[in-house]
């Protein structure tokens, strides 16, 4: 893959974010993902009621949030290379986070994202997609462990 092709087909600037969604997850999957993220990435996790930001995702707080369904959403900033991924803990049955394509400005940025997607795919032993925001069934990238392919629109 060449950077020019990736920029044109995946990281083009259209005002939309790019979504990473892992569907059909249970609490054990959330815990696995949280432990993976905490162990491998720089994180800022916000708990709005307490006006607190932590340097790790607190799985006990996330579990409590899903049980209580507070109106104030939990979110985490995850640094993947030079890109910030934002995870909003909206749904207990799907892990969803997004990146801004404007932050992926080189092949190095893409490689950091691709490596992350490959690791998460291996962690869950299933393929993942990077899609346009709001279009989860129209992937831009499909990742199955170490196999990464651009999907044409």
Foldseek 3Di string as FASTA:
>chain_A
DAFVVCCVQPLDADPWWKKWKDFQDALVLVVLVQVVQLVPWFKWKDDVVVRDTDRGDDSVVLVVCVVVVDPDWIKMWTCQPQWTKIWTSDDNGMTMITTRSVRQDHVVSVVSVLQVQLVSLVSVVHKIFIPTVPCRVQGQWIYRNNDIDGDGD
